[in-house]
C-alpha atoms as a PDB file:
ATOM      1  CA  MET A   1       0.000   0.000   0.000  1.00  0.00           C
ATOM      2  CA  MET A   2       1.291   3.472  -0.868  1.00  0.00           C
ATOM      3  CA  PRO A   3       2.338   5.412   2.284  1.00  0.00           C
ATOM      4  CA  MET A   4      -0.025   8.243   3.177  1.00  0.00           C
ATOM      5  CA  ALA A   5       2.789  10.795   2.804  1.00  0.00           C
ATOM      6  CA  ARG A   6       2.937   9.973  -0.894  1.00  0.00           C
ATOM      7  CA  MET A   7      -0.824  10.308  -1.386  1.00  0.00           C
ATOM      8  CA  LEU A   8      -0.992  14.075  -0.962  1.00  0.00           C
ATOM      9  CA  SER A   9      -2.680  15.810  -3.852  1.00  0.00           C
ATOM     10  CA  ALA A  10      -0.528  17.828  -6.209  1.00  0.00           C
ATOM     11  CA  ALA A  11      -1.932  21.052  -4.812  1.00  0.00           C
ATOM     12  CA  SER A  12      -1.265  19.982  -1.216  1.00  0.00           C
ATOM     13  CA  ALA A  13       2.257  18.894  -2.001  1.00  0.00           C
ATOM     14  CA  ARG A  14       3.048  22.158  -3.745  1.00  0.00           C
ATOM     15  CA  LEU A  15       1.497  24.176  -0.904  1.00  0.00           C
ATOM     16  CA  LEU A  16       3.668  22.325   1.611  1.00  0.00           C
ATOM     17  CA  LEU A  17       6.749  23.149  -0.450  1.00  0.00           C
ATOM     18  CA  VAL A  18       5.777  26.826  -0.543  1.00  0.00           C
ATOM     19  CA  LEU A  19       5.245  26.881   3.225  1.00  0.00           C
ATOM     20  CA  VAL A  20       8.596  25.185   3.808  1.00  0.00           C
ATOM     21  CA  SER A  21      10.321  27.752   1.593  1.00  0.00           C
ATOM     22  CA  LEU A  22       8.703  30.564   3.581  1.00  0.00           C
ATOM     23  CA  THR A  23       9.872  29.246   6.970  1.00  0.00           C
ATOM     24  CA  PRO A  24      12.455  31.597   8.545  1.00  0.00           C
ATOM     25  CA  VAL A  25      15.929  30.091   8.807  1.00  0.00           C
ATOM     26  CA  ALA A  26      19.064  30.868  10.629  1.00  0.00           C
ATOM     27  CA  ILE A  27      21.910  32.635   8.830  1.00  0.00           C
ATOM     28  CA  PRO A  28      21.088  36.349   8.471  1.00  0.00           C
ATOM     29  CA  ALA A  29      22.371  39.293   6.594  1.00  0.00           C
ATOM     30  CA  ALA A  30      23.417  41.952   9.098  1.00  0.00           C
ATOM     31  CA  GLY A  31      20.414  43.723  10.597  1.00  0.00           C
ATOM     32  CA  ALA A  32      17.894  41.585   8.734  1.00  0.00           C
ATOM     33  CA  GLN A  33      14.639  40.781  10.490  1.00  0.00           C
ATOM     34  CA  GLY A  34      13.943  37.744   8.301  1.00  0.00           C
ATOM     35  CA  LEU A  35      16.713  35.152   8.274  1.00  0.00           C
ATOM     36  CA  THR A  36      17.673  33.287   5.106  1.00  0.00           C
ATOM     37  CA  TYR A  37      20.582  31.193   3.886  1.00  0.00           C
ATOM     38  CA  SER A  38      22.836  32.392   1.099  1.00  0.00           C
ATOM     39  CA  ARG A  39      24.753  29.087   1.015  1.00  0.00           C
ATOM     40  CA  GLY A  40      25.434  25.847   2.842  1.00  0.00           C
ATOM     41  CA  GLN A  41      21.968  24.300   2.445  1.00  0.00           C
ATOM     42  CA  THR A  42      20.523  21.341   0.545  1.00  0.00           C
ATOM     43  CA  VAL A  43      18.385  20.822  -2.569  1.00  0.00           C
ATOM     44  CA  SER A  44      15.037  19.007  -2.674  1.00  0.00           C
ATOM     45  CA  PRO A  45      13.744  17.395  -5.884  1.00  0.00           C
ATOM     46  CA  ALA A  46      10.111  18.158  -6.720  1.00  0.00           C
ATOM     47  CA  PHE A  47       7.508  16.274  -8.742  1.00  0.00           C
ATOM     48  CA  GLU A  48       5.399  18.947 -10.443  1.00  0.00           C
ATOM     49  CA  GLY A  49       2.846  16.600 -12.011  1.00  0.00           C
ATOM     50  CA  TRP A  50       2.242  14.739 -15.257  1.00  0.00           C
ATOM     51  CA  GLU A  51       0.986  16.055 -18.572  1.00  0.00           C
ATOM     52  CA  GLU A  52      -0.272  14.673 -21.851  1.00  0.00           C
ATOM     53  CA  ASP A  53       0.702  16.017 -25.266  1.00  0.00           C
ATOM     54  CA  ALA A  54      -1.717  16.356 -28.173  1.00  0.00           C
ATOM     55  CA  ASP A  55      -0.391  13.091 -29.661  1.00  0.00           C
ATOM     56  CA  GLY A  56      -1.246  11.196 -26.472  1.00  0.00           C
ATOM     57  CA  SER A  57       2.309  10.872 -25.148  1.00  0.00           C
ATOM     58  CA  ARG A  58       2.562  11.350 -21.391  1.00  0.00           C
ATOM     59  CA  TRP A  59       5.340  12.970 -19.400  1.00  0.00           C
ATOM     60  CA  PHE A  60       6.374  13.347 -15.791  1.00  0.00           C
ATOM     61  CA  VAL A  61       7.517  16.896 -14.986  1.00  0.00           C
ATOM     62  CA  PHE A  62      10.096  17.721 -12.315  1.00  0.00           C
ATOM     63  CA  GLY A  63      11.676  20.763 -10.677  1.00  0.00           C
ATOM     64  CA  TYR A  64      13.553  21.428  -7.469  1.00  0.00           C
ATOM     65  CA  MET A  65      14.055  23.722  -4.487  1.00  0.00           C
ATOM     66  CA  ASN A  66      17.593  24.901  -3.723  1.00  0.00           C
ATOM     67  CA  ARG A  67      17.377  26.356  -0.213  1.00  0.00           C
ATOM     68  CA  ASN A  68      20.254  28.754  -0.895  1.00  0.00           C
ATOM     69  CA  TRP A  69      19.777  32.288  -2.217  1.00  0.00           C
ATOM     70  CA  GLU A  70      23.185  32.449  -3.901  1.00  0.00           C
ATOM     71  CA  GLU A  71      24.985  29.106  -3.974  1.00  0.00           C
ATOM     72  CA  GLU A  72      24.636  26.819  -6.977  1.00  0.00           C
ATOM     73  CA  LEU A  73      25.256  23.137  -6.298  1.00  0.00           C
ATOM     74  CA  ASP A  74      26.618  20.504  -8.680  1.00  0.00           C
ATOM     75  CA  VAL A  75      25.543  16.871  -8.370  1.00  0.00           C
ATOM     76  CA  PRO A  76      26.702  14.516 -11.159  1.00  0.00           C
ATOM     77  CA  VAL A  77      24.342  11.897 -12.562  1.00  0.00           C
ATOM     78  CA  GLY A  78      24.686   8.691 -10.566  1.00  0.00           C
ATOM     79  CA  PRO A  79      23.699   7.350  -7.142  1.00  0.00           C
ATOM     80  CA  ASP A  80      23.338  10.899  -5.775  1.00  0.00           C
ATOM     81  CA  ASN A  81      21.300  12.173  -8.737  1.00  0.00           C
ATOM     82  CA  GLY A  82      19.356   9.470 -10.514  1.00  0.00           C
ATOM     83  CA  PHE A  83      16.159   7.532 -11.133  1.00  0.00           C
ATOM     84  CA  ASN A  84      14.900   4.116 -10.160  1.00  0.00           C
ATOM     85  CA  LEU A  85      13.664   3.231 -13.663  1.00  0.00           C
ATOM     86  CA  GLY A  86      15.138   3.598 -17.134  1.00  0.00           C
ATOM     87  CA  GLY A  87      18.673   4.334 -15.957  1.00  0.00           C
ATOM     88  CA  ALA A  88      20.047   7.034 -13.699  1.00  0.00           C
ATOM     89  CA  ASP A  89      20.208   9.649 -16.461  1.00  0.00           C
ATOM     90  CA  GLN A  90      16.777  10.904 -17.467  1.00  0.00           C
ATOM     91  CA  GLY A  91      17.859  14.365 -18.619  1.00  0.00           C
ATOM     92  CA  GLN A  92      17.838  15.959 -15.164  1.00  0.00           C
ATOM     93  CA  PRO A  93      20.095  18.923 -14.343  1.00  0.00           C
ATOM     94  CA  THR A  94      23.378  18.504 -12.536  1.00  0.00           C
ATOM     95  CA  ARG A  95      23.730  22.260 -11.841  1.00  0.00           C
ATOM     96  CA  PHE A  96      21.114  23.432  -9.343  1.00  0.00           C
ATOM     97  CA  LEU A  97      20.391  27.155  -9.468  1.00  0.00           C
ATOM     98  CA  PRO A  98      19.248  29.039  -6.355  1.00  0.00           C
ATOM     99  CA  ARG A  99      15.776  28.784  -4.832  1.00  0.00           C
ATOM    100  CA  ARG A 100      12.652  27.368  -6.474  1.00  0.00           C
ATOM    101  CA  ASN A 101      12.948  26.181 -10.062  1.00  0.00           C
ATOM    102  CA  ARG A 102       9.687  24.816 -11.474  1.00  0.00           C
ATOM    103  CA  PHE A 103       8.909  22.662 -14.518  1.00  0.00           C
ATOM    104  CA  ILE A 104      12.591  22.166 -15.340  1.00  0.00           C
ATOM    105  CA  PHE A 105      12.561  18.854 -17.249  1.00  0.00           C
ATOM    106  CA  ARG A 106      10.276  16.093 -18.453  1.00  0.00           C
ATOM    107  CA  VAL A 107      10.659  12.310 -18.382  1.00  0.00           C
ATOM    108  CA  ALA A 108       8.596  10.092 -20.675  1.00  0.00           C
ATOM    109  CA  VAL A 109       6.172   7.893 -18.732  1.00  0.00           C
ATOM    110  CA  PRO A 110       7.479   4.307 -19.083  1.00  0.00           C
ATOM    111  CA  LYS A 111       5.404   1.893 -21.129  1.00  0.00           C
ATOM    112  CA  GLY A 112       2.984  -0.130 -19.039  1.00  0.00           C
ATOM    113  CA  PHE A 113       3.170   2.372 -16.166  1.00  0.00           C
ATOM    114  CA  THR A 114       0.040   2.292 -13.981  1.00  0.00           C
ATOM    115  CA  GLU A 115      -1.332   4.496 -11.218  1.00  0.00           C
ATOM    116  CA  LYS A 116       0.170   2.072  -8.706  1.00  0.00           C
ATOM    117  CA  ASP A 117       3.714   2.570 -10.034  1.00  0.00           C
ATOM    118  CA  GLU A 118       6.185   5.309  -9.091  1.00  0.00           C
ATOM    119  CA  LEU A 119       9.105   6.904 -10.864  1.00  0.00           C
ATOM    120  CA  ILE A 120      11.482   8.109  -8.153  1.00  0.00           C
ATOM    121  CA  TRP A 121      14.086  10.849  -8.522  1.00  0.00           C
ATOM    122  CA  THR A 122      16.711  10.572  -5.780  1.00  0.00           C
ATOM    123  CA  LEU A 123      18.926  13.563  -4.996  1.00  0.00           C
ATOM    124  CA  THR A 124      21.610  13.684  -2.310  1.00  0.00           C
ATOM    125  CA  THR A 125      23.214  16.991  -1.318  1.00  0.00           C
ATOM    126  CA  ARG A 126      25.468  17.574   1.682  1.00  0.00           C
ATOM    127  CA  GLY A 127      24.809  14.073   2.926  1.00  0.00           C
ATOM    128  CA  LYS A 128      21.018  14.422   2.946  1.00  0.00           C
ATOM    129  CA  THR A 129      19.009  12.228   0.564  1.00  0.00           C
ATOM    130  CA  GLU A 130      15.593  13.372  -0.621  1.00  0.00           C
ATOM    131  CA  ARG A 131      13.234  11.872  -3.174  1.00  0.00           C
ATOM    132  CA  ALA A 132      10.445  12.995  -5.493  1.00  0.00           C
ATOM    133  CA  TYR A 133       7.785  10.383  -6.220  1.00  0.00           C
ATOM    134  CA  ALA A 134       6.085  10.635  -9.625  1.00  0.00           C
ATOM    135  CA  SER A 135       2.794   8.868 -10.271  1.00  0.00           C
ATOM    136  CA  LEU A 136      -0.107   8.983 -12.703  1.00  0.00           C
ATOM    137  CA  ALA A 137      -2.651   9.776 -10.008  1.00  0.00           C
ATOM    138  CA  LEU A 138      -5.372  11.893 -11.610  1.00  0.00           C
ATOM    139  CA  ASP A 139      -4.952  14.816  -9.211  1.00  0.00           C
ATOM    140  CA  TYR A 140      -1.339  15.208 -10.359  1.00  0.00           C
ATOM    141  CA  LYS A 141      -2.330  15.960 -13.973  1.00  0.00           C
ATOM    142  CA  ILE A 142      -1.256  19.415 -15.138  1.00  0.00           C
ATOM    143  CA  ASP A 143      -1.783  21.641 -18.186  1.00  0.00           C
ATOM    144  CA  GLY A 144      -0.853  25.124 -19.354  1.00  0.00           C
ATOM    145  CA  VAL A 145      -3.230  26.824 -16.921  1.00  0.00           C
ATOM    146  CA  VAL A 146      -1.719  24.924 -13.996  1.00  0.00           C
ATOM    147  CA  ARG A 147       1.777  25.866 -15.157  1.00  0.00           C
ATOM    148  CA  ALA A 148       0.795  29.533 -15.387  1.00  0.00           C
ATOM    149  CA  SER A 149      -0.795  29.444 -11.947  1.00  0.00           C
ATOM    150  CA  GLU A 150       2.091  27.627 -10.272  1.00  0.00           C
ATOM    151  CA  THR A 151       4.729  30.002 -11.649  1.00  0.00           C
ATOM    152  CA  GLY A 152       2.763  33.033 -10.448  1.00  0.00           C
ATOM    153  CA  ALA A 153       1.409  34.387 -13.724  1.00  0.00           C
ATOM    154  CA  LEU A 154      -2.121  33.739 -12.471  1.00  0.00           C
ATOM    155  CA  GLY A 155      -3.835  33.885  -9.142  1.00  0.00           C
ATOM    156  CA  ALA A 156      -4.476  30.432  -7.694  1.00  0.00           C
ATOM    157  CA  GLY A 157      -7.519  28.852  -9.324  1.00  0.00           C
ATOM    158  CA  SER A 158      -8.079  31.648 -11.853  1.00  0.00           C
ATOM    159  CA  SER A 159      -8.325  31.315 -15.609  1.00  0.00           C
ATOM    160  CA  SER A 160      -9.594  33.146 -18.693  1.00  0.00           C
ATOM    161  CA  PRO A 161     -10.150  32.488 -22.405  1.00  0.00           C
ATOM    162  CA  GLU A 162      -6.914  34.388 -23.096  1.00  0.00           C
ATOM    163  CA  VAL A 163      -4.848  32.193 -20.791  1.00  0.00           C
ATOM    164  CA  ARG A 164      -6.430  28.988 -22.092  1.00  0.00           C
ATOM    165  CA  ALA A 165      -5.585  30.033 -25.660  1.00  0.00           C
ATOM    166  CA  ASN A 166      -1.940  30.731 -24.847  1.00  0.00           C
ATOM    167  CA  LYS A 167       0.760  28.839 -26.736  1.00  0.00           C
ATOM    168  CA  ALA A 168       4.310  28.450 -25.496  1.00  0.00           C
ATOM    169  CA  PRO A 169       6.945  30.622 -27.210  1.00  0.00           C
ATOM    170  CA  THR A 170       8.825  29.234 -30.167  1.00  0.00           C
ATOM    171  CA  LEU A 171      12.585  29.040 -29.821  1.00  0.00           C
ATOM    172  CA  GLU A 172      15.355  28.167 -32.272  1.00  0.00           C
ATOM    173  CA  VAL A 173      18.999  27.900 -31.248  1.00  0.00           C
ATOM    174  CA  GLN A 174      21.141  29.230 -34.092  1.00  0.00           C
ATOM    175  CA  GLY A 175      24.118  27.276 -35.391  1.00  0.00           C
ATOM    176  CA  ALA A 176      25.547  23.954 -34.253  1.00  0.00           C
ATOM    177  CA  LYS A 177      24.149  22.340 -31.113  1.00  0.00           C
ATOM    178  CA  ARG A 178      27.555  20.931 -30.149  1.00  0.00           C
ATOM    179  CA  LEU A 179      30.556  23.258 -30.016  1.00  0.00           C
ATOM    180  CA  THR A 180      34.138  23.303 -28.801  1.00  0.00           C
ATOM    181  CA  ALA A 181      35.893  26.035 -26.831  1.00  0.00           C
ATOM    182  CA  ARG A 182      38.866  26.733 -24.596  1.00  0.00           C
ATOM    183  CA  VAL A 183      38.988  27.921 -21.028  1.00  0.00           C
ATOM    184  CA  GLY A 184      38.862  31.713 -20.914  1.00  0.00           C
ATOM    185  CA  GLU A 185      37.813  32.164 -24.535  1.00  0.00           C
ATOM    186  CA  PRO A 186      34.199  33.400 -24.915  1.00  0.00           C
ATOM    187  CA  VAL A 187      31.710  31.568 -27.112  1.00  0.00           C
ATOM    188  CA  THR A 188      28.799  33.414 -28.720  1.00  0.00           C
ATOM    189  CA  LEU A 189      25.416  31.723 -28.450  1.00  0.00           C
ATOM    190  CA  VAL A 190      22.261  32.981 -30.177  1.00  0.00           C
ATOM    191  CA  ALA A 191      18.614  31.937 -30.049  1.00  0.00           C
ATOM    192  CA  VAL A 192      15.610  33.389 -31.876  1.00  0.00           C
ATOM    193  CA  VAL A 193      12.377  33.656 -29.892  1.00  0.00           C
ATOM    194  CA  ALA A 194       8.821  34.425 -31.021  1.00  0.00           C
ATOM    195  CA  ASP A 195       5.464  34.389 -29.247  1.00  0.00           C
ATOM    196  CA  ASP A 196       1.745  34.799 -29.832  1.00  0.00           C
ATOM    197  CA  GLY A 197       1.562  37.852 -27.559  1.00  0.00           C
ATOM    198  CA  ILE A 198      -0.433  35.979 -24.924  1.00  0.00           C
ATOM    199  CA  PRO A 199      -0.532  36.749 -22.067  1.00  0.00           C
ATOM    200  CA  LYS A 200      -0.173  40.490 -22.554  1.00  0.00           C
ATOM    201  CA  THR A 201       2.661  42.176 -20.698  1.00  0.00           C
ATOM    202  CA  ARG A 202       1.419  43.195 -17.260  1.00  0.00           C
ATOM    203  CA  ALA A 203       2.483  43.545 -13.662  1.00  0.00           C
ATOM    204  CA  ILE A 204       2.638  40.804 -11.035  1.00  0.00           C
ATOM    205  CA  GLY A 205      -0.162  38.297 -11.528  1.00  0.00           C
ATOM    206  CA  ALA A 206      -2.627  38.195 -14.407  1.00  0.00           C
ATOM    207  CA  GLY A 207      -5.201  40.088 -12.378  1.00  0.00           C
ATOM    208  CA  ALA A 208      -2.898  42.920 -11.289  1.00  0.00           C
ATOM    209  CA  ALA A 209      -4.446  46.380 -11.404  1.00  0.00           C
ATOM    210  CA  VAL A 210      -1.325  48.169 -12.610  1.00  0.00           C
ATOM    211  CA  SER A 211      -0.180  47.555 -16.176  1.00  0.00           C
ATOM    212  CA  ASN A 212       3.504  47.141 -16.875  1.00  0.00           C
ATOM    213  CA  THR A 213       4.092  48.503 -20.363  1.00  0.00           C
ATOM    214  CA  GLY A 214       7.771  47.525 -20.319  1.00  0.00           C
ATOM    215  CA  SER A 215       9.098  51.069 -20.006  1.00  0.00           C
ATOM    216  CA  SER A 216       8.185  54.424 -18.506  1.00  0.00           C
ATOM    217  CA  THR A 217      10.251  56.435 -20.980  1.00  0.00           C
ATOM    218  CA  ASN A 218       7.291  57.122 -23.297  1.00  0.00           C
ATOM    219  CA  LEU A 219       5.047  58.492 -20.556  1.00  0.00           C
ATOM    220  CA  SER A 220       4.507  62.154 -19.793  1.00  0.00           C
ATOM    221  CA  ALA A 221       6.575  63.597 -16.965  1.00  0.00           C
ATOM    222  CA  ALA A 222       3.542  63.713 -14.658  1.00  0.00           C
ATOM    223  CA  ASN A 223       2.476  60.150 -15.433  1.00  0.00           C
ATOM    224  CA  ARG A 224       6.041  58.902 -15.109  1.00  0.00           C
ATOM    225  CA  ALA A 225       6.331  60.530 -11.689  1.00  0.00           C
ATOM    226  CA  GLN A 226       3.064  58.921 -10.601  1.00  0.00           C
ATOM    227  CA  LEU A 227       4.250  55.510 -11.827  1.00  0.00           C
ATOM    228  CA  GLU A 228       7.569  55.779 -10.012  1.00  0.00           C
ATOM    229  CA  ALA A 229       5.797  56.894  -6.817  1.00  0.00           C
ATOM    230  CA  LEU A 230       3.478  53.882  -7.070  1.00  0.00           C
ATOM    231  CA  ARG A 231       6.420  51.552  -7.571  1.00  0.00           C
ATOM    232  CA  ALA A 232       8.171  53.033  -4.555  1.00  0.00           C
ATOM    233  CA  ARG A 233       5.092  52.492  -2.384  1.00  0.00           C
ATOM    234  CA  ARG A 234       4.749  48.911  -3.577  1.00  0.00           C
ATOM    235  CA  VAL A 235       8.267  48.116  -2.387  1.00  0.00           C
ATOM    236  CA  MET A 236       7.184  48.929   1.175  1.00  0.00           C
ATOM    237  CA  LEU A 237       3.971  46.886   1.094  1.00  0.00           C
ATOM    238  CA  PRO A 238       3.840  43.343   2.525  1.00  0.00           C
ATOM    239  CA  PRO A 239       3.051  40.524   0.077  1.00  0.00           C
ATOM    240  CA  SER A 240      -0.605  40.439  -0.946  1.00  0.00           C
ATOM    241  CA  ARG A 241      -0.551  36.692  -1.648  1.00  0.00           C
ATOM    242  CA  ILE A 242       1.058  33.660  -0.068  1.00  0.00           C
ATOM    243  CA  THR A 243       2.113  32.209  -3.408  1.00  0.00           C
ATOM    244  CA  VAL A 244       4.794  33.608  -5.675  1.00  0.00           C
ATOM    245  CA  GLY A 245       3.862  36.453  -8.046  1.00  0.00           C
ATOM    246  CA  LYS A 246       5.382  36.981 -11.484  1.00  0.00           C
ATOM    247  CA  ILE A 247       5.651  39.939 -13.850  1.00  0.00           C
ATOM    248  CA  VAL A 248       4.375  38.777 -17.232  1.00  0.00           C
ATOM    249  CA  GLY A 249       6.377  39.578 -20.363  1.00  0.00           C
ATOM    250  CA  LEU A 250       8.290  37.687 -23.049  1.00  0.00           C
ATOM    251  CA  HIS A 251      11.972  37.138 -22.320  1.00  0.00           C
ATOM    252  CA  ALA A 252      14.700  34.521 -22.661  1.00  0.00           C
ATOM    253  CA  SER A 253      17.670  33.565 -20.540  1.00  0.00           C
ATOM    254  CA  TRP A 254      20.793  31.387 -20.844  1.00  0.00           C
ATOM    255  CA  SER A 255      22.042  29.356 -17.879  1.00  0.00           C
ATOM    256  CA  VAL A 256      24.197  26.350 -16.997  1.00  0.00           C
ATOM    257  CA  TYR A 257      22.217  23.102 -16.971  1.00  0.00           C
ATOM    258  CA  ARG A 258      25.148  20.723 -16.605  1.00  0.00           C
ATOM    259  CA  GLY A 259      28.847  21.380 -16.255  1.00  0.00           C
ATOM    260  CA  PRO A 260      31.884  21.015 -13.996  1.00  0.00           C
ATOM    261  CA  GLY A 261      32.707  24.693 -13.435  1.00  0.00           C
ATOM    262  CA  SER A 262      31.548  28.284 -13.386  1.00  0.00           C
ATOM    263  CA  VAL A 263      30.494  30.172 -16.518  1.00  0.00           C
ATOM    264  CA  THR A 264      30.359  33.951 -16.998  1.00  0.00           C
ATOM    265  CA  PHE A 265      27.576  35.277 -19.232  1.00  0.00           C
ATOM    266  CA  ASP A 266      27.873  38.651 -20.981  1.00  0.00           C
ATOM    267  CA  PRO A 267      25.498  40.389 -20.748  1.00  0.00           C
ATOM    268  CA  PRO A 268      24.326  39.109 -17.346  1.00  0.00           C
ATOM    269  CA  GLN A 269      21.216  36.988 -17.795  1.00  0.00           C
ATOM    270  CA  ILE A 270      17.716  37.332 -16.402  1.00  0.00           C
ATOM    271  CA  ALA A 271      17.426  34.874 -13.517  1.00  0.00           C
ATOM    272  CA  PRO A 272      15.312  31.879 -14.588  1.00  0.00           C
ATOM    273  CA  TRP A 273      14.780  31.028 -10.917  1.00  0.00           C
ATOM    274  CA  GLU A 274      12.403  32.694  -8.466  1.00  0.00           C
ATOM    275  CA  ASP A 275      14.468  35.607  -7.200  1.00  0.00           C
ATOM    276  CA  THR A 276      11.810  37.584  -5.329  1.00  0.00           C
ATOM    277  CA  ARG A 277      14.160  40.238  -3.944  1.00  0.00           C
ATOM    278  CA  THR A 278      13.379  43.829  -4.879  1.00  0.00           C
ATOM    279  CA  GLY A 279      15.800  44.972  -7.551  1.00  0.00           C
ATOM    280  CA  GLY A 280      16.609  41.451  -8.714  1.00  0.00           C
ATOM    281  CA  ASN A 281      16.940  40.736 -12.422  1.00  0.00           C
ATOM    282  CA  SER A 282      14.071  38.286 -12.359  1.00  0.00           C
ATOM    283  CA  PRO A 283      10.392  38.331 -13.401  1.00  0.00           C
ATOM    284  CA  TRP A 284       9.560  37.403  -9.802  1.00  0.00           C
ATOM    285  CA  ALA A 285      11.325  40.510  -8.464  1.00  0.00           C
ATOM    286  CA  PRO A 286       9.224  43.619  -7.703  1.00  0.00           C
ATOM    287  CA  LEU A 287       9.725  46.420 -10.246  1.00  0.00           C
ATOM    288  CA  TRP A 288      11.397  44.164 -12.827  1.00  0.00           C
ATOM    289  CA  THR A 289      10.612  45.204 -16.397  1.00  0.00           C
ATOM    290  CA  PRO A 290      10.515  42.787 -19.365  1.00  0.00           C
ATOM    291  CA  PRO A 291      13.174  43.528 -22.001  1.00  0.00           C
ATOM    292  CA  ASP A 292      12.529  44.847 -25.484  1.00  0.00           C
ATOM    293  CA  MET A 293      12.772  41.668 -27.557  1.00  0.00           C
ATOM    294  CA  GLY A 294      13.262  43.547 -30.838  1.00  0.00           C
ATOM    295  CA  ASP A 295      13.718  40.993 -33.628  1.00  0.00           C
ATOM    296  CA  GLY A 296      13.620  38.134 -31.119  1.00  0.00           C
ATOM    297  CA  ARG A 297      17.353  37.413 -31.208  1.00  0.00           C
ATOM    298  CA  VAL A 298      18.807  36.679 -27.771  1.00  0.00           C
ATOM    299  CA  GLY A 299      22.585  36.450 -27.809  1.00  0.00           C
ATOM    300  CA  VAL A 300      25.161  35.912 -25.092  1.00  0.00           C
ATOM    301  CA  ARG A 301      28.930  35.464 -24.781  1.00  0.00           C
ATOM    302  CA  ALA A 302      29.708  32.542 -22.478  1.00  0.00           C
ATOM    303  CA  THR A 303      33.182  32.238 -20.942  1.00  0.00           C
ATOM    304  CA  PHE A 304      34.149  28.959 -19.267  1.00  0.00           C
ATOM    305  CA  HIS A 305      36.574  28.829 -16.357  1.00  0.00           C
ATOM    306  CA  GLN A 306      37.160  25.069 -16.188  1.00  0.00           C
ATOM    307  CA  ALA A 307      37.644  22.380 -18.803  1.00  0.00           C
ATOM    308  CA  GLY A 308      34.962  19.760 -19.346  1.00  0.00           C
ATOM    309  CA  GLU A 309      31.621  19.219 -21.048  1.00  0.00           C
ATOM    310  CA  TYR A 310      28.795  21.677 -20.443  1.00  0.00           C
ATOM    311  CA  GLN A 311      25.140  21.859 -21.352  1.00  0.00           C
ATOM    312  CA  ILE A 312      23.942  25.453 -21.635  1.00  0.00           C
ATOM    313  CA  ARG A 313      20.186  25.889 -21.645  1.00  0.00           C
ATOM    314  CA  VAL A 314      18.183  28.786 -23.055  1.00  0.00           C
ATOM    315  CA  ARG A 315      14.626  29.165 -21.771  1.00  0.00           C
ATOM    316  CA  ALA A 316      12.072  31.327 -23.576  1.00  0.00           C
ATOM    317  CA  ASP A 317       9.315  32.460 -21.214  1.00  0.00           C
ATOM    318  CA  ASP A 318       6.149  34.406 -22.087  1.00  0.00           C
ATOM    319  CA  GLY A 319       5.363  34.771 -18.396  1.00  0.00           C
ATOM    320  CA  ALA A 320       3.117  31.714 -18.255  1.00  0.00           C
ATOM    321  CA  LEU A 321       4.640  29.014 -20.480  1.00  0.00           C
ATOM    322  CA  THR A 322       8.223  28.157 -21.424  1.00  0.00           C
ATOM    323  CA  THR A 323      10.217  26.523 -24.217  1.00  0.00           C
ATOM    324  CA  ASP A 324      13.787  25.269 -23.796  1.00  0.00           C
ATOM    325  CA  GLY A 325      16.789  24.815 -26.068  1.00  0.00           C
ATOM    326  CA  MET A 326      20.177  23.323 -25.335  1.00  0.00           C
ATOM    327  CA  VAL A 327      23.754  23.634 -26.577  1.00  0.00           C
ATOM    328  CA  THR A 328      26.538  21.233 -25.593  1.00  0.00           C
ATOM    329  CA  ILE A 329      30.016  22.781 -25.365  1.00  0.00           C
ATOM    330  CA  VAL A 330      33.191  20.765 -24.873  1.00  0.00           C
ATOM    331  CA  VAL A 331      35.772  23.030 -23.234  1.00  0.00           C
ATOM    332  CA  ALA A 332      39.487  22.260 -23.511  1.00  0.00           C
ATOM    333  CA  PRO A 333      42.201  23.630 -21.208  1.00  0.00           C
ATOM    334  CA  LYS A 334      43.981  26.820 -22.212  1.00  0.00           C
END
């Protein structure tokens, strides 16, 4: 019989994870009233749910929670980062970015899998082993509206014809998908992103009262002053919701998905993880403004500081749905 702890509904499990992430912890910045960790903590794997494509193929979807605000952890594929079925490597990350990262990768549901079976992702960090249990229980099924709600583009339980009609952005990585480089020598990576314009660019949450037009430079001086005053007041207000909120607007970001060492990106990239700190370069940060996507080309110069093989991921995000691309780069010593 399945243990009761594994029979929580998807909503309950996600709510528990949110509450855990909101619990005050013990290493503070000087003078801070709320205590958080910048480093030294563990990572928990997360089962987000399962989804079904238009062709009938079914997928388990996973993410994770890195309890650190700054530290990125590396866990190679193997006993400390693997699955119980189909081999240890199911396309999971080995570089774990800070804080909550949702809907990061998908694993095809094995043939013959039933509601009584479980696909288990095991992750061990700093000597602590945690597991995410994936099943085909009906209350774990997700779709685009659930994704939008869970990432903060919608209020919990809300929907609209616009949101239901949304399609994920299209993304094309330019050039070869496998490259070579040397330590210290930058590599230029380019992706082209397009979207259907849904959802429309707006402030935190799809029901927010204040539109975010992407820039205040085209406003009159009086209106611009009013907007900046409103933004300043919002910084001082407590959160109006217990779940994460997200500023909606098309953008794309490059990050390390797998790799043995640090990588410097120029220009610095929008954080694809939930950085909710005011002033952060993240759609979850108050006052963040979506970039001008222009012709849809998103380029970056990546410089590698250690030899080895890397997977660099680019994620296109319209605020509600995402599309990913990947480039493998084999880096030789200087």
